Amino acid sequence: LLRVRDEVRMTIAAYQTLYESSIAFGMRKALQAEQGRADMEANIRQLEADKKELERTLLDLKAKADAIEKRESERRALDEKKHAEEIAFLKRTNASLKRELETYLSPSKK
């Protein structure tokens, strides 16, 4: 009977130790999960801030690209206009010089 009583006490002590150990393990895991959650939330906030900064940068770069494109388009149109005017001037000059040359080369009618 004493052996049974000692065996029961040892079993109860083993269960008590197991219970305490499992409680400690559960608490550690809960604290780790809470810490992981806080880290994730901080990471999310940082990533959202980075995203906003990148969106602002994107808008700035788009505005600069649009301004450059507009400026280059205007410059190209001006260059084309100048080129067309120069070609027209050269054609008029060429035609005038041809007429003048024909006048010098043609026998004069007397």
Protein backbone atom coordinates (compact mmCIF):
# COMPACT_ATOMS: atom_id res chain seq x y z
CA LEU A 1 0.00 0.00 0.00
CA LEU A 2 2.89 2.33 0.74
CA ARG A 3 4.38 1.54 -2.63
CA VAL A 4 1.11 2.45 -4.35
CA ARG A 5 0.91 5.69 -2.38
CA ASP A 6 4.51 6.61 -3.30
CA GLU A 7 3.84 5.68 -6.93
CA VAL A 8 0.74 7.94 -6.96
CA ARG A 9 2.68 10.80 -5.37
CA MET A 10 5.47 10.42 -7.93
CA THR A 11 2.93 10.36 -10.75
CA ILE A 12 1.22 13.46 -9.39
CA ALA A 13 4.59 15.20 -9.01
CA ALA A 14 5.49 14.28 -12.61
CA TYR A 15 2.16 15.63 -13.86
CA GLN A 16 2.66 18.80 -11.78
CA THR A 17 6.11 19.32 -13.32
CA LEU A 18 4.77 18.62 -16.79
CA TYR A 19 1.92 21.10 -16.23
CA GLU A 20 4.27 23.84 -15.02
CA SER A 21 6.62 23.19 -17.89
CA SER A 22 3.80 23.38 -20.43
CA ILE A 23 2.52 26.62 -18.88
CA ALA A 24 6.00 28.14 -19.13
CA PHE A 25 6.33 26.95 -22.74
CA GLY A 26 2.93 28.45 -23.61
CA MET A 27 3.87 31.77 -22.04
CA ARG A 28 7.18 31.88 -23.94
CA LYS A 29 5.41 31.15 -27.21
CA ALA A 30 2.75 33.78 -26.52
CA LEU A 31 5.43 36.40 -25.76
CA GLN A 32 7.34 35.45 -28.90
CA ALA A 33 4.18 35.75 -30.98
CA GLU A 34 3.41 39.15 -29.46
CA GLN A 35 6.95 40.35 -30.14
CA GLY A 36 6.77 39.02 -33.70
CA ARG A 37 3.49 40.82 -34.20
CA ALA A 38 4.95 44.11 -32.96
CA ASP A 39 7.94 43.68 -35.26
CA MET A 40 5.66 42.96 -38.21
CA GLU A 41 3.53 46.03 -37.48
CA ALA A 42 6.65 48.20 -37.31
CA ASN A 43 7.85 46.70 -40.59
CA ILE A 44 4.46 47.40 -42.20
CA ARG A 45 4.56 51.02 -41.07
CA GLN A 46 8.09 51.42 -42.45
CA LEU A 47 7.13 49.83 -45.77
CA GLU A 48 4.07 52.07 -46.09
CA ALA A 49 6.23 55.15 -45.46
CA ASP A 50 8.71 53.94 -48.07
CA LYS A 51 5.85 53.36 -50.52
CA LYS A 52 4.55 56.92 -50.04
CA GLU A 53 8.04 58.34 -50.56
CA LEU A 54 8.48 56.30 -53.73
CA GLU A 55 5.07 57.42 -55.01
CA ARG A 56 6.08 61.06 -54.44
CA THR A 57 9.35 60.46 -56.25
CA LEU A 58 7.47 58.80 -59.11
CA LEU A 59 5.15 61.80 -59.47
CA ASP A 60 8.11 64.19 -59.46
CA LEU A 61 9.93 62.17 -62.09
CA LYS A 62 6.80 61.92 -64.25
CA ALA A 63 6.35 65.70 -64.05
CA LYS A 64 10.00 66.25 -65.01
CA ALA A 65 9.71 63.79 -67.90
CA ASP A 66 6.56 65.51 -69.16
CA ALA A 67 8.23 68.92 -68.95
CA ILE A 68 11.30 67.67 -70.81
CA GLU A 69 9.15 66.00 -73.46
CA LYS A 70 7.12 69.20 -73.96
CA ARG A 71 10.24 71.35 -74.14
CA GLU A 72 11.89 69.01 -76.64
CA SER A 73 8.73 68.85 -78.72
CA GLU A 74 8.60 72.65 -78.88
CA ARG A 75 12.30 72.81 -79.75
CA ARG A 76 11.87 70.18 -82.47
CA ALA A 77 8.90 72.08 -83.94
CA LEU A 78 10.91 75.31 -83.92
CA ASP A 79 13.88 73.59 -85.57
CA GLU A 80 11.60 72.09 -88.23
CA LYS A 81 10.05 75.50 -88.87
CA LYS A 82 13.49 77.13 -89.20
CA HIS A 83 14.61 74.33 -91.48
CA ALA A 84 11.53 74.71 -93.69
CA GLU A 85 12.06 78.50 -93.86
CA GLU A 86 15.70 78.01 -94.77
CA ILE A 87 14.80 75.51 -97.50
CA ALA A 88 12.16 77.89 -98.89
CA PHE A 89 14.68 80.75 -98.84
CA LEU A 90 17.29 78.62 -100.61
CA LYS A 91 14.75 77.50 -103.21
CA ARG A 92 13.75 81.12 -103.90
CA THR A 93 17.40 82.13 -104.08
CA ASN A 94 18.16 79.20 -106.38
CA ALA A 95 15.22 80.06 -108.67
CA SER A 96 16.28 83.70 -108.75
CA LEU A 97 19.87 82.79 -109.56
CA LYS A 98 18.68 80.40 -112.32
CA ARG A 99 16.60 83.16 -113.90
CA GLU A 100 19.52 85.53 -113.65
CA LEU A 101 21.88 82.97 -115.18
CA GLU A 102 19.42 82.24 -117.99
CA THR A 103 19.20 85.96 -118.60
CA TYR A 104 23.00 86.19 -118.94
CA LEU A 105 23.28 83.05 -121.03
CA SER A 106 20.39 83.62 -123.38
CA PRO A 107 21.11 85.61 -126.46
CA SER A 108 19.82 89.04 -126.01
CA LYS A 109 17.06 89.97 -128.37
CA LYS A 110 17.82 93.14 -130.21
